Amino acid sequence: MMNREYLHENKEIKFTFEQNQKDFIVDEIGLEYKGRGNFLVLLVRKVELTTWDMIAEFAAFLNLPAEKIGYAGLKDKHATTTQYISVEAKYENAIKKFKHPQIKILKSMRHTHSIRMGDLVGNRFSINLFGVEPIEAGQIEKLARKAEKVGMPNYFGYQRFGRDEDSIEQAKEMISGELHIEDTKVKKFLISIYQSQFFNEWLRERVLLSREQNEGNFMLLNGDIYLANDGKLFTPKNVPQKDFEDKKVVPTGLLCGRGVFRARDEAREIEEKYDDEFLYEKGLRREAIVFPKDVVYNYNKNFSIFNIAFTLPKGSYATVFLENIANKNFSAKKIADKSKQR
């Protein structure tokens, strides 16, 4: 597994965190719902369950296929999380009787259509960091504020690749035809890993270039494809440095596949090293840099616990934000081992 590199070269800050229901909290920021329509939207809190586990419980209770339940994204299992799901409004009375020790319906409202994957604004996180000494607390504050101002690399976090580090090799073997996979769900998972690994490798090269040639500020290149605040992708004639600094546009990286815009010129010279134009899966563009918002913290000096809360756009990883601060890479195994020790 490659190392995720960050724009600053500060000394490593030592702290630990655990993914559990008390110390890792995620709240989905949903879209605006109409308050009328043929679908029922539920704000649901779950504890120590995957999103799929939770949906399976609702599907079994309502006696309907899991595919009939809409959701915007997958939330961590080892955490307390809230998210929106949707069912047809005809289940409104039945859902009032739903009870589960790890799931609670917090509120409900009507909407005009089912929730689809990606139908969210972002996520709000609240995470406890352990073993933080006073001098490190000040450093964490400083780096968190800097990330708010200049952004952070939008890597896929370790969770994307599963606990099995062999999954990347399996993905490459499947794409090349050396490995045959029947299960559609597994195939899609391996393809997403393949795309994500290429993206991370591309972003790492761009970050290292920025450190070498642009004093640790993300370096824009001729031919980059940008995402504007209105959701449109474009390639300008001139590098839009001011608009990037004003957070009006962000450069994007490639998730390789079919039917996707490729970078040009200088930017393409780097991008093409991490492309597979023959991949049959649909390609996408992903923001290279994201800006954390509304960072709030509370430091308990007596217990050396630093609570940090922040908001990230959809698809971005809280663990990457923490890596950006710590200037070190975390892994699923390391986090699990730390949890066992406490």
C-alpha atoms as a PDB file:
ATOM      1  CA  MET A   1       0.000   0.000   0.000  1.00  0.00           C
ATOM      2  CA  MET A   2       1.436   3.389  -0.995  1.00  0.00           C
ATOM      3  CA  ASN A   3       2.000   6.138   1.558  1.00  0.00           C
ATOM      4  CA  ARG A   4      -0.361   9.096   1.381  1.00  0.00           C
ATOM      5  CA  GLU A   5       1.770  12.254   1.374  1.00  0.00           C
ATOM      6  CA  TYR A   6       0.599  15.667   2.581  1.00  0.00           C
ATOM      7  CA  LEU A   7       1.357  19.232   1.567  1.00  0.00           C
ATOM      8  CA  HIS A   8       3.147  20.254   4.754  1.00  0.00           C
ATOM      9  CA  GLU A   9       6.342  18.660   6.015  1.00  0.00           C
ATOM     10  CA  ASN A  10       5.796  19.282   9.726  1.00  0.00           C
ATOM     11  CA  LYS A  11       7.055  16.827  12.296  1.00  0.00           C
ATOM     12  CA  GLU A  12       4.695  13.949  13.067  1.00  0.00           C
ATOM     13  CA  ILE A  13       2.144  14.726  15.793  1.00  0.00           C
ATOM     14  CA  LYS A  14       1.559  11.739  18.026  1.00  0.00           C
ATOM     15  CA  PHE A  15      -2.002  10.872  18.974  1.00  0.00           C
ATOM     16  CA  THR A  16      -4.319   7.916  18.649  1.00  0.00           C
ATOM     17  CA  PHE A  17      -8.022   7.591  17.919  1.00  0.00           C
ATOM     18  CA  GLU A  18     -10.518   4.760  18.000  1.00  0.00           C
ATOM     19  CA  GLN A  19     -13.459   3.966  15.788  1.00  0.00           C
ATOM     20  CA  ASN A  20     -16.170   3.139  18.312  1.00  0.00           C
ATOM     21  CA  GLN A  21     -19.629   4.399  19.248  1.00  0.00           C
ATOM     22  CA  LYS A  22     -18.408   6.895  21.858  1.00  0.00           C
ATOM     23  CA  ASP A  23     -15.277   8.369  20.295  1.00  0.00           C
ATOM     24  CA  PHE A  24     -16.161   8.489  16.573  1.00  0.00           C
ATOM     25  CA  ILE A  25     -19.435  10.212  15.649  1.00  0.00           C
ATOM     26  CA  VAL A  26     -20.668  10.926  12.110  1.00  0.00           C
ATOM     27  CA  ASP A  27     -23.762  12.956  11.207  1.00  0.00           C
ATOM     28  CA  GLU A  28     -24.895  13.088   7.595  1.00  0.00           C
ATOM     29  CA  ILE A  29     -25.821  16.503   6.220  1.00  0.00           C
ATOM     30  CA  GLY A  30     -28.736  15.784   3.920  1.00  0.00           C
ATOM     31  CA  LEU A  31     -30.420  17.723   1.166  1.00  0.00           C
ATOM     32  CA  GLU A  32     -33.522  19.831   1.716  1.00  0.00           C
ATOM     33  CA  TYR A  33     -36.640  17.669   1.788  1.00  0.00           C
ATOM     34  CA  LYS A  34     -39.971  18.947   0.493  1.00  0.00           C
ATOM     35  CA  GLY A  35     -42.253  17.878   3.354  1.00  0.00           C
ATOM     36  CA  ARG A  36     -44.662  16.380   0.823  1.00  0.00           C
ATOM     37  CA  GLY A  37     -44.655  13.554  -1.704  1.00  0.00           C
ATOM     38  CA  ASN A  38     -44.957   9.786  -2.053  1.00  0.00           C
ATOM     39  CA  PHE A  39     -41.782   8.898  -0.153  1.00  0.00           C
ATOM     40  CA  LEU A  40     -40.991   8.878   3.537  1.00  0.00           C
ATOM     41  CA  VAL A  41     -37.535  10.096   4.542  1.00  0.00           C
ATOM     42  CA  LEU A  42     -36.209   8.891   7.898  1.00  0.00           C
ATOM     43  CA  LEU A  43     -33.305  10.326   9.855  1.00  0.00           C
ATOM     44  CA  VAL A  44     -31.837   7.252  11.517  1.00  0.00           C
ATOM     45  CA  ARG A  45     -29.139   6.791  14.140  1.00  0.00           C
ATOM     46  CA  LYS A  46     -27.243   3.495  14.142  1.00  0.00           C
ATOM     47  CA  VAL A  47     -24.572   2.083  16.442  1.00  0.00           C
ATOM     48  CA  GLU A  48     -22.008  -0.636  15.572  1.00  0.00           C
ATOM     49  CA  LEU A  49     -23.793  -1.574  12.337  1.00  0.00           C
ATOM     50  CA  THR A  50     -22.905  -1.068   8.691  1.00  0.00           C
ATOM     51  CA  THR A  51     -25.371   0.844   6.542  1.00  0.00           C
ATOM     52  CA  TRP A  52     -26.179  -2.407   4.740  1.00  0.00           C
ATOM     53  CA  ASP A  53     -26.850  -4.151   8.084  1.00  0.00           C
ATOM     54  CA  MET A  54     -29.236  -1.365   9.051  1.00  0.00           C
ATOM     55  CA  ILE A  55     -31.049  -1.464   5.714  1.00  0.00           C
ATOM     56  CA  ALA A  56     -31.393  -5.244   5.997  1.00  0.00           C
ATOM     57  CA  GLU A  57     -33.142  -4.777   9.362  1.00  0.00           C
ATOM     58  CA  PHE A  58     -35.640  -2.302   7.891  1.00  0.00           C
ATOM     59  CA  ALA A  59     -36.187  -4.502   4.828  1.00  0.00           C
ATOM     60  CA  ALA A  60     -36.924  -7.551   6.980  1.00  0.00           C
ATOM     61  CA  PHE A  61     -39.287  -5.579   9.231  1.00  0.00           C
ATOM     62  CA  LEU A  62     -41.229  -4.094   6.301  1.00  0.00           C
ATOM     63  CA  ASN A  63     -41.016  -7.318   4.248  1.00  0.00           C
ATOM     64  CA  LEU A  64     -39.640  -5.627   1.142  1.00  0.00           C
ATOM     65  CA  PRO A  65     -36.425  -5.991  -0.927  1.00  0.00           C
ATOM     66  CA  ALA A  66     -33.463  -4.032   0.432  1.00  0.00           C
ATOM     67  CA  GLU A  67     -33.152  -2.367  -3.002  1.00  0.00           C
ATOM     68  CA  LYS A  68     -36.433  -0.538  -2.288  1.00  0.00           C
ATOM     69  CA  ILE A  69     -34.791   1.423   0.538  1.00  0.00           C
ATOM     70  CA  GLY A  70     -32.944   4.536  -0.588  1.00  0.00           C
ATOM     71  CA  TYR A  71     -29.775   5.863   1.013  1.00  0.00           C
ATOM     72  CA  ALA A  72     -27.190   8.504   0.113  1.00  0.00           C
ATOM     73  CA  GLY A  73     -23.968   6.874   1.274  1.00  0.00           C
ATOM     74  CA  LEU A  74     -22.288   4.259   3.431  1.00  0.00           C
ATOM     75  CA  LYS A  75     -21.413   5.099   7.032  1.00  0.00           C
ATOM     76  CA  ASP A  76     -18.797   3.557   9.312  1.00  0.00           C
ATOM     77  CA  LYS A  77     -19.737   0.471  11.310  1.00  0.00           C
ATOM     78  CA  HIS A  78     -17.583   1.148  14.359  1.00  0.00           C
ATOM     79  CA  ALA A  79     -19.119   4.514  15.211  1.00  0.00           C
ATOM     80  CA  THR A  80     -22.335   6.267  16.126  1.00  0.00           C
ATOM     81  CA  THR A  81     -23.737   7.601  12.868  1.00  0.00           C
ATOM     82  CA  THR A  82     -26.852   9.337  11.629  1.00  0.00           C
ATOM     83  CA  GLN A  83     -28.050   9.222   8.048  1.00  0.00           C
ATOM     84  CA  TYR A  84     -31.151   9.616   5.912  1.00  0.00           C
ATOM     85  CA  ILE A  85     -32.939   6.708   4.276  1.00  0.00           C
ATOM     86  CA  SER A  86     -36.200   6.567   2.329  1.00  0.00           C
ATOM     87  CA  VAL A  87     -39.094   4.175   1.772  1.00  0.00           C
ATOM     88  CA  GLU A  88     -42.423   4.529   0.018  1.00  0.00           C
ATOM     89  CA  ALA A  89     -44.881   6.574   2.065  1.00  0.00           C
ATOM     90  CA  LYS A  90     -47.315   3.634   2.250  1.00  0.00           C
ATOM     91  CA  TYR A  91     -45.075   2.214   5.004  1.00  0.00           C
ATOM     92  CA  GLU A  92     -45.538   5.298   7.209  1.00  0.00           C
ATOM     93  CA  ASN A  93     -47.796   3.622   9.779  1.00  0.00           C
ATOM     94  CA  ALA A  94     -45.841   0.360   9.836  1.00  0.00           C
ATOM     95  CA  ILE A  95     -42.534   2.124  10.414  1.00  0.00           C
ATOM     96  CA  LYS A  96     -43.841   3.656  13.649  1.00  0.00           C
ATOM     97  CA  LYS A  97     -43.686   0.190  15.226  1.00  0.00           C
ATOM     98  CA  PHE A  98     -40.057  -0.419  14.279  1.00  0.00           C
ATOM     99  CA  LYS A  99     -37.756  -1.071  17.243  1.00  0.00           C
ATOM    100  CA  HIS A 100     -34.145  -2.223  17.312  1.00  0.00           C
ATOM    101  CA  PRO A 101     -31.490  -1.980  20.054  1.00  0.00           C
ATOM    102  CA  GLN A 102     -28.900  -0.482  17.681  1.00  0.00           C
ATOM    103  CA  ILE A 103     -31.164   1.649  15.482  1.00  0.00           C
ATOM    104  CA  LYS A 104     -33.333   4.641  16.352  1.00  0.00           C
ATOM    105  CA  ILE A 105     -35.553   6.727  14.068  1.00  0.00           C
ATOM    106  CA  LEU A 106     -34.958  10.351  15.075  1.00  0.00           C
ATOM    107  CA  LYS A 107     -37.453  12.027  12.741  1.00  0.00           C
ATOM    108  CA  SER A 108     -39.410  11.516   9.537  1.00  0.00           C
ATOM    109  CA  MET A 109     -40.665  13.700   6.701  1.00  0.00           C
ATOM    110  CA  ARG A 110     -42.189  13.342   3.235  1.00  0.00           C
ATOM    111  CA  HIS A 111     -40.311  13.849  -0.017  1.00  0.00           C
ATOM    112  CA  THR A 112     -41.076  13.701  -3.735  1.00  0.00           C
ATOM    113  CA  HIS A 113     -38.630  10.891  -4.605  1.00  0.00           C
ATOM    114  CA  SER A 114     -36.449   8.197  -3.113  1.00  0.00           C
ATOM    115  CA  ILE A 115     -32.993   9.098  -1.802  1.00  0.00           C
ATOM    116  CA  ARG A 116     -30.272   8.144  -4.274  1.00  0.00           C
ATOM    117  CA  MET A 117     -26.588   7.443  -3.774  1.00  0.00           C
ATOM    118  CA  GLY A 118     -24.796  10.782  -3.481  1.00  0.00           C
ATOM    119  CA  ASP A 119     -27.875  12.720  -2.312  1.00  0.00           C
ATOM    120  CA  LEU A 120     -26.094  14.478   0.530  1.00  0.00           C
ATOM    121  CA  VAL A 121     -24.117  17.661   1.131  1.00  0.00           C
ATOM    122  CA  GLY A 122     -21.459  16.173   3.379  1.00  0.00           C
ATOM    123  CA  ASN A 123     -20.803  14.801   6.847  1.00  0.00           C
ATOM    124  CA  ARG A 124     -20.143  16.317  10.263  1.00  0.00           C
ATOM    125  CA  PHE A 125     -17.598  14.455  12.398  1.00  0.00           C
ATOM    126  CA  SER A 126     -16.761  14.543  16.100  1.00  0.00           C
ATOM    127  CA  ILE A 127     -13.682  12.508  17.037  1.00  0.00           C
ATOM    128  CA  ASN A 128     -11.721  12.079  20.269  1.00  0.00           C
ATOM    129  CA  LEU A 129      -7.943  12.071  19.940  1.00  0.00           C
ATOM    130  CA  PHE A 130      -6.017  10.429  22.792  1.00  0.00           C
ATOM    131  CA  GLY A 131      -2.560  11.019  24.234  1.00  0.00           C
ATOM    132  CA  VAL A 132      -2.450  14.697  23.234  1.00  0.00           C
ATOM    133  CA  GLU A 133      -0.026  16.821  25.260  1.00  0.00           C
ATOM    134  CA  PRO A 134      -0.549  20.624  25.557  1.00  0.00           C
ATOM    135  CA  ILE A 135       2.111  21.524  22.980  1.00  0.00           C
ATOM    136  CA  GLU A 136       0.586  19.032  20.521  1.00  0.00           C
ATOM    137  CA  ALA A 137      -2.905  20.444  21.160  1.00  0.00           C
ATOM    138  CA  GLY A 138      -1.664  23.808  19.892  1.00  0.00           C
ATOM    139  CA  GLN A 139      -0.124  22.179  16.820  1.00  0.00           C
ATOM    140  CA  ILE A 140      -3.365  20.326  16.029  1.00  0.00           C
ATOM    141  CA  GLU A 141      -5.311  23.599  16.260  1.00  0.00           C
ATOM    142  CA  LYS A 142      -2.878  25.340  13.933  1.00  0.00           C
ATOM    143  CA  LEU A 143      -2.886  22.599  11.286  1.00  0.00           C
ATOM    144  CA  ALA A 144      -6.678  22.216  11.395  1.00  0.00           C
ATOM    145  CA  ARG A 145      -7.085  25.957  10.782  1.00  0.00           C
ATOM    146  CA  LYS A 146      -4.571  25.815   7.948  1.00  0.00           C
ATOM    147  CA  ALA A 147      -6.526  22.980   6.306  1.00  0.00           C
ATOM    148  CA  GLU A 148      -9.669  25.145   6.508  1.00  0.00           C
ATOM    149  CA  LYS A 149      -7.847  27.938   4.707  1.00  0.00           C
ATOM    150  CA  VAL A 150      -5.736  26.183   2.036  1.00  0.00           C
ATOM    151  CA  GLY A 151      -7.424  22.774   1.829  1.00  0.00           C
ATOM    152  CA  MET A 152      -6.118  19.227   2.117  1.00  0.00           C
ATOM    153  CA  PRO A 153      -5.472  16.395  -0.359  1.00  0.00           C
ATOM    154  CA  ASN A 154      -8.675  14.457  -0.982  1.00  0.00           C
ATOM    155  CA  TYR A 155      -7.215  10.941  -0.840  1.00  0.00           C
ATOM    156  CA  PHE A 156      -9.349   7.854  -0.516  1.00  0.00           C
ATOM    157  CA  GLY A 157      -8.795   6.697   3.062  1.00  0.00           C
ATOM    158  CA  TYR A 158      -7.695   3.261   4.187  1.00  0.00           C
ATOM    159  CA  GLN A 159     -11.337   2.189   4.618  1.00  0.00           C
ATOM    160  CA  ARG A 160     -11.820   2.301   0.841  1.00  0.00           C
ATOM    161  CA  PHE A 161      -9.443  -0.604   0.364  1.00  0.00           C
ATOM    162  CA  GLY A 162     -10.822  -2.980   2.997  1.00  0.00           C
ATOM    163  CA  ARG A 163      -8.895  -4.771   5.710  1.00  0.00           C
ATOM    164  CA  ASP A 164      -7.258  -7.146   3.235  1.00  0.00           C
ATOM    165  CA  GLU A 165      -4.243  -5.380   1.721  1.00  0.00           C
ATOM    166  CA  ASP A 166      -4.188  -8.004  -1.052  1.00  0.00           C
ATOM    167  CA  SER A 167      -7.378  -6.493  -2.503  1.00  0.00           C
ATOM    168  CA  ILE A 168      -5.428  -4.101  -4.755  1.00  0.00           C
ATOM    169  CA  GLU A 169      -3.531  -7.010  -6.321  1.00  0.00           C
ATOM    170  CA  GLN A 170      -6.795  -8.937  -6.706  1.00  0.00           C
ATOM    171  CA  ALA A 171      -8.313  -5.923  -8.465  1.00  0.00           C
ATOM    172  CA  LYS A 172      -5.399  -5.710 -10.911  1.00  0.00           C
ATOM    173  CA  GLU A 173      -5.584  -9.446 -11.630  1.00  0.00           C
ATOM    174  CA  MET A 174      -9.340  -9.229 -12.250  1.00  0.00           C
ATOM    175  CA  ILE A 175      -8.993  -6.240 -14.599  1.00  0.00           C
ATOM    176  CA  SER A 176      -6.204  -7.979 -16.563  1.00  0.00           C
ATOM    177  CA  GLY A 177      -8.270 -11.179 -16.849  1.00  0.00           C
ATOM    178  CA  GLU A 178      -5.971 -13.325 -14.692  1.00  0.00           C
ATOM    179  CA  LEU A 179      -8.627 -13.641 -11.982  1.00  0.00           C
ATOM    180  CA  HIS A 180     -12.293 -14.462 -12.637  1.00  0.00           C
ATOM    181  CA  ILE A 181     -14.882 -13.143 -10.165  1.00  0.00           C
ATOM    182  CA  GLU A 182     -18.546 -14.201 -10.385  1.00  0.00           C
ATOM    183  CA  ASP A 183     -20.010 -12.105  -7.559  1.00  0.00           C
ATOM    184  CA  THR A 184     -21.184  -8.750  -9.010  1.00  0.00           C
ATOM    185  CA  LYS A 185     -20.838  -6.956  -5.675  1.00  0.00           C
ATOM    186  CA  VAL A 186     -17.228  -8.142  -5.270  1.00  0.00           C
ATOM    187  CA  LYS A 187     -16.435  -7.154  -8.872  1.00  0.00           C
ATOM    188  CA  LYS A 188     -17.731  -3.614  -8.325  1.00  0.00           C
ATOM    189  CA  PHE A 189     -15.780  -3.359  -5.074  1.00  0.00           C
ATOM    190  CA  LEU A 190     -12.537  -4.443  -6.759  1.00  0.00           C
ATOM    191  CA  ILE A 191     -13.053  -2.034  -9.672  1.00  0.00           C
ATOM    192  CA  SER A 192     -13.585   0.842  -7.223  1.00  0.00           C
ATOM    193  CA  ILE A 193     -10.340  -0.139  -5.461  1.00  0.00           C
ATOM    194  CA  TYR A 194      -8.512  -0.162  -8.807  1.00  0.00           C
ATOM    195  CA  GLN A 195      -9.788   3.324  -9.690  1.00  0.00           C
ATOM    196  CA  SER A 196      -9.135   4.662  -6.186  1.00  0.00           C
ATOM    197  CA  GLN A 197      -5.569   3.378  -6.062  1.00  0.00           C
ATOM    198  CA  PHE A 198      -4.739   5.074  -9.372  1.00  0.00           C
ATOM    199  CA  PHE A 199      -6.290   8.321  -8.083  1.00  0.00           C
ATOM    200  CA  ASN A 200      -4.301   8.173  -4.838  1.00  0.00           C
ATOM    201  CA  GLU A 201      -1.046   7.505  -6.706  1.00  0.00           C
ATOM    202  CA  TRP A 202      -1.741  10.442  -9.046  1.00  0.00           C
ATOM    203  CA  LEU A 203      -2.574  12.741  -6.116  1.00  0.00           C
ATOM    204  CA  ARG A 204       0.571  11.694  -4.270  1.00  0.00           C
ATOM    205  CA  GLU A 205       2.697  12.734  -7.263  1.00  0.00           C
ATOM    206  CA  ARG A 206       0.918  16.093  -7.478  1.00  0.00           C
ATOM    207  CA  VAL A 207       1.399  16.674  -3.733  1.00  0.00           C
ATOM    208  CA  LEU A 208       5.121  15.889  -3.930  1.00  0.00           C
ATOM    209  CA  LEU A 209       5.439  18.232  -6.928  1.00  0.00           C
ATOM    210  CA  SER A 210       3.676  20.960  -4.926  1.00  0.00           C
ATOM    211  CA  ARG A 211       6.050  20.509  -1.991  1.00  0.00           C
ATOM    212  CA  GLU A 212       9.096  20.666  -4.246  1.00  0.00           C
ATOM    213  CA  GLN A 213       8.053  23.559  -6.487  1.00  0.00           C
ATOM    214  CA  ASN A 214       5.279  25.535  -4.766  1.00  0.00           C
ATOM    215  CA  GLU A 215       6.196  25.777  -1.078  1.00  0.00           C
ATOM    216  CA  GLY A 216       3.593  23.222  -0.046  1.00  0.00           C
ATOM    217  CA  ASN A 217       0.639  24.976  -1.692  1.00  0.00           C
ATOM    218  CA  PHE A 218      -1.189  22.754  -4.174  1.00  0.00           C
ATOM    219  CA  MET A 219       0.276  23.520  -7.589  1.00  0.00           C
ATOM    220  CA  LEU A 220      -2.153  24.049 -10.463  1.00  0.00           C
ATOM    221  CA  LEU A 221      -1.033  22.981 -13.942  1.00  0.00           C
ATOM    222  CA  ASN A 222      -2.014  23.944 -17.470  1.00  0.00           C
ATOM    223  CA  GLY A 223      -4.651  21.514 -18.694  1.00  0.00           C
ATOM    224  CA  ASP A 224      -6.122  20.694 -15.293  1.00  0.00           C
ATOM    225  CA  ILE A 225      -9.874  20.072 -15.206  1.00  0.00           C
ATOM    226  CA  TYR A 226     -11.677  22.096 -12.536  1.00  0.00           C
ATOM    227  CA  LEU A 227     -14.938  21.688 -10.687  1.00  0.00           C
ATOM    228  CA  ALA A 228     -16.824  24.937 -10.141  1.00  0.00           C
ATOM    229  CA  ASN A 229     -19.172  25.599  -7.236  1.00  0.00           C
ATOM    230  CA  ASP A 230     -22.138  25.096  -9.566  1.00  0.00           C
ATOM    231  CA  GLY A 231     -21.021  21.495 -10.185  1.00  0.00           C
ATOM    232  CA  LYS A 232     -19.735  22.036 -13.736  1.00  0.00           C
ATOM    233  CA  LEU A 233     -16.391  20.701 -14.994  1.00  0.00           C
ATOM    234  CA  PHE A 234     -14.245  22.917 -17.235  1.00  0.00           C
ATOM    235  CA  THR A 235     -10.700  23.464 -18.504  1.00  0.00           C
ATOM    236  CA  PRO A 236      -9.804  27.185 -18.610  1.00  0.00           C
ATOM    237  CA  LYS A 237      -7.278  28.775 -20.954  1.00  0.00           C
ATOM    238  CA  ASN A 238      -5.339  30.181 -18.012  1.00  0.00           C
ATOM    239  CA  VAL A 239      -4.665  28.679 -14.585  1.00  0.00           C
ATOM    240  CA  PRO A 240      -7.428  30.084 -12.281  1.00  0.00           C
ATOM    241  CA  GLN A 241      -5.167  30.670  -9.261  1.00  0.00           C
ATOM    242  CA  LYS A 242      -7.301  33.445  -7.708  1.00  0.00           C
ATOM    243  CA  ASP A 243     -10.549  31.490  -8.062  1.00  0.00           C
ATOM    244  CA  PHE A 244      -8.879  28.473  -6.445  1.00  0.00           C
ATOM    245  CA  GLU A 245      -7.637  30.584  -3.527  1.00  0.00           C
ATOM    246  CA  ASP A 246     -11.153  32.037  -3.180  1.00  0.00           C
ATOM    247  CA  LYS A 247     -12.577  28.475  -3.122  1.00  0.00           C
ATOM    248  CA  LYS A 248     -14.653  29.056  -6.250  1.00  0.00           C
ATOM    249  CA  VAL A 249     -13.027  26.191  -8.174  1.00  0.00           C
ATOM    250  CA  VAL A 250     -10.986  23.093  -7.314  1.00  0.00           C
ATOM    251  CA  PRO A 251      -8.741  20.951  -9.530  1.00  0.00           C
ATOM    252  CA  THR A 252      -9.888  17.383 -10.098  1.00  0.00           C
ATOM    253  CA  GLY A 253      -8.221  14.030 -10.588  1.00  0.00           C
ATOM    254  CA  LEU A 254      -9.245  11.085 -12.727  1.00  0.00           C
ATOM    255  CA  LEU A 255     -11.093   7.958 -11.674  1.00  0.00           C
ATOM    256  CA  CYS A 256     -10.218   6.063 -14.830  1.00  0.00           C
ATOM    257  CA  GLY A 257     -12.857   4.489 -17.040  1.00  0.00           C
ATOM    258  CA  ARG A 258     -15.097   5.244 -19.986  1.00  0.00           C
ATOM    259  CA  GLY A 259     -16.932   8.454 -20.836  1.00  0.00           C
ATOM    260  CA  VAL A 260     -14.924  10.856 -18.676  1.00  0.00           C
ATOM    261  CA  PHE A 261     -13.024  14.049 -19.489  1.00  0.00           C
ATOM    262  CA  ARG A 262      -9.242  13.704 -19.463  1.00  0.00           C
ATOM    263  CA  ALA A 263      -6.815  16.486 -18.549  1.00  0.00           C
ATOM    264  CA  ARG A 264      -4.691  18.158 -21.221  1.00  0.00           C
ATOM    265  CA  ASP A 265      -1.170  19.477 -21.749  1.00  0.00           C
ATOM    266  CA  GLU A 266       1.069  19.568 -18.674  1.00  0.00           C
ATOM    267  CA  ALA A 267      -1.570  18.073 -16.382  1.00  0.00           C
ATOM    268  CA  ARG A 268      -2.177  15.156 -18.744  1.00  0.00           C
ATOM    269  CA  GLU A 269       1.512  14.214 -18.766  1.00  0.00           C
ATOM    270  CA  ILE A 270       1.161  13.226 -15.116  1.00  0.00           C
ATOM    271  CA  GLU A 271      -2.419  11.954 -15.311  1.00  0.00           C
ATOM    272  CA  GLU A 272      -1.828   9.500 -18.154  1.00  0.00           C
ATOM    273  CA  LYS A 273       0.535   7.478 -15.951  1.00  0.00           C
ATOM    274  CA  TYR A 274      -2.448   6.668 -13.732  1.00  0.00           C
ATOM    275  CA  ASP A 275      -5.050   6.029 -16.419  1.00  0.00           C
ATOM    276  CA  ASP A 276      -6.598   2.916 -17.941  1.00  0.00           C
ATOM    277  CA  GLU A 277      -8.588   3.977 -20.991  1.00  0.00           C
ATOM    278  CA  PHE A 278      -9.732   0.407 -21.612  1.00  0.00           C
ATOM    279  CA  LEU A 279     -11.485  -0.038 -18.269  1.00  0.00           C
ATOM    280  CA  TYR A 280     -15.155  -0.785 -18.988  1.00  0.00           C
ATOM    281  CA  GLU A 281     -16.433   0.872 -15.795  1.00  0.00           C
ATOM    282  CA  LYS A 282     -17.699   4.469 -16.031  1.00  0.00           C
ATOM    283  CA  GLY A 283     -15.011   7.028 -15.207  1.00  0.00           C
ATOM    284  CA  LEU A 284     -15.398  10.098 -12.994  1.00  0.00           C
ATOM    285  CA  ARG A 285     -13.546  13.204 -11.855  1.00  0.00           C
ATOM    286  CA  ARG A 286     -12.853  13.683  -8.125  1.00  0.00           C
ATOM    287  CA  GLU A 287     -11.769  16.827  -6.304  1.00  0.00           C
ATOM    288  CA  ALA A 288      -8.014  16.809  -5.655  1.00  0.00           C
ATOM    289  CA  ILE A 289      -8.330  19.269  -2.774  1.00  0.00           C
ATOM    290  CA  VAL A 290     -11.171  19.754  -0.294  1.00  0.00           C
ATOM    291  CA  PHE A 291     -11.715  22.358   2.403  1.00  0.00           C
ATOM    292  CA  PRO A 292     -12.784  21.259   5.899  1.00  0.00           C
ATOM    293  CA  LYS A 293     -15.335  23.633   7.451  1.00  0.00           C
ATOM    294  CA  ASP A 294     -16.541  24.710  10.884  1.00  0.00           C
ATOM    295  CA  VAL A 295     -13.642  23.217  12.838  1.00  0.00           C
ATOM    296  CA  VAL A 296     -14.318  23.240  16.589  1.00  0.00           C
ATOM    297  CA  TYR A 297     -12.204  21.663  19.307  1.00  0.00           C
ATOM    298  CA  ASN A 298     -12.177  21.055  23.033  1.00  0.00           C
ATOM    299  CA  TYR A 299      -9.050  19.996  24.898  1.00  0.00           C
ATOM    300  CA  ASN A 300      -9.171  18.120  28.211  1.00  0.00           C
ATOM    301  CA  LYS A 301      -5.676  18.624  29.591  1.00  0.00           C
ATOM    302  CA  ASN A 302      -6.249  16.366  32.626  1.00  0.00           C
ATOM    303  CA  PHE A 303      -7.047  13.336  30.458  1.00  0.00           C
ATOM    304  CA  SER A 304      -4.960  14.362  27.396  1.00  0.00           C
ATOM    305  CA  ILE A 305      -8.072  14.064  25.195  1.00  0.00           C
ATOM    306  CA  PHE A 306      -8.556  16.442  22.270  1.00  0.00           C
ATOM    307  CA  ASN A 307     -12.047  16.443  20.746  1.00  0.00           C
ATOM    308  CA  ILE A 308     -12.176  17.816  17.225  1.00  0.00           C
ATOM    309  CA  ALA A 309     -15.355  18.400  15.214  1.00  0.00           C
ATOM    310  CA  PHE A 310     -15.404  19.366  11.537  1.00  0.00           C
ATOM    311  CA  THR A 311     -17.432  19.129   8.335  1.00  0.00           C
ATOM    312  CA  LEU A 312     -16.241  17.546   5.088  1.00  0.00           C
ATOM    313  CA  PRO A 313     -17.936  17.398   1.675  1.00  0.00           C
ATOM    314  CA  LYS A 314     -19.430  14.098   0.560  1.00  0.00           C
ATOM    315  CA  GLY A 315     -16.948  11.411  -0.389  1.00  0.00           C
ATOM    316  CA  SER A 316     -14.140  12.795   1.777  1.00  0.00           C
ATOM    317  CA  TYR A 317     -12.606  10.873   4.667  1.00  0.00           C
ATOM    318  CA  ALA A 318     -12.285  12.046   8.269  1.00  0.00           C
ATOM    319  CA  THR A 319      -9.294   9.748   8.690  1.00  0.00           C
ATOM    320  CA  VAL A 320      -7.523  11.578   5.844  1.00  0.00           C
ATOM    321  CA  PHE A 321      -8.154  14.873   7.676  1.00  0.00           C
ATOM    322  CA  LEU A 322      -6.537  13.319  10.779  1.00  0.00           C
ATOM    323  CA  GLU A 323      -3.622  12.013   8.714  1.00  0.00           C
ATOM    324  CA  ASN A 324      -3.153  15.499   7.286  1.00  0.00           C
ATOM    325  CA  ILE A 325      -2.827  16.849  10.834  1.00  0.00           C
ATOM    326  CA  ALA A 326      -0.654  14.021  12.187  1.00  0.00           C
ATOM    327  CA  ASN A 327       1.482  13.805   9.023  1.00  0.00           C
ATOM    328  CA  LYS A 328       1.385  10.024   9.244  1.00  0.00           C
ATOM    329  CA  ASN A 329      -0.654   7.229   7.673  1.00  0.00           C
ATOM    330  CA  PHE A 330      -3.211   5.225   9.622  1.00  0.00           C
ATOM    331  CA  SER A 331      -4.517   1.769   8.703  1.00  0.00           C
ATOM    332  CA  ALA A 332      -7.501  -0.381   9.646  1.00  0.00           C
ATOM    333  CA  LYS A 333      -5.203  -2.807  11.457  1.00  0.00           C
ATOM    334  CA  LYS A 334      -3.443  -0.100  13.489  1.00  0.00           C
ATOM    335  CA  ILE A 335      -6.747   1.447  14.596  1.00  0.00           C
ATOM    336  CA  ALA A 336      -8.175  -1.966  15.544  1.00  0.00           C
ATOM    337  CA  ASP A 337      -5.025  -2.823  17.534  1.00  0.00           C
ATOM    338  CA  LYS A 338      -5.166   0.483  19.435  1.00  0.00           C
ATOM    339  CA  SER A 339      -8.838  -0.122  20.301  1.00  0.00           C
ATOM    340  CA  LYS A 340      -7.973  -3.521  21.789  1.00  0.00           C
ATOM    341  CA  GLN A 341      -5.277  -1.959  23.964  1.00  0.00           C
ATOM    342  CA  ARG A 342      -7.593   0.599  25.608  1.00  0.00           C
END
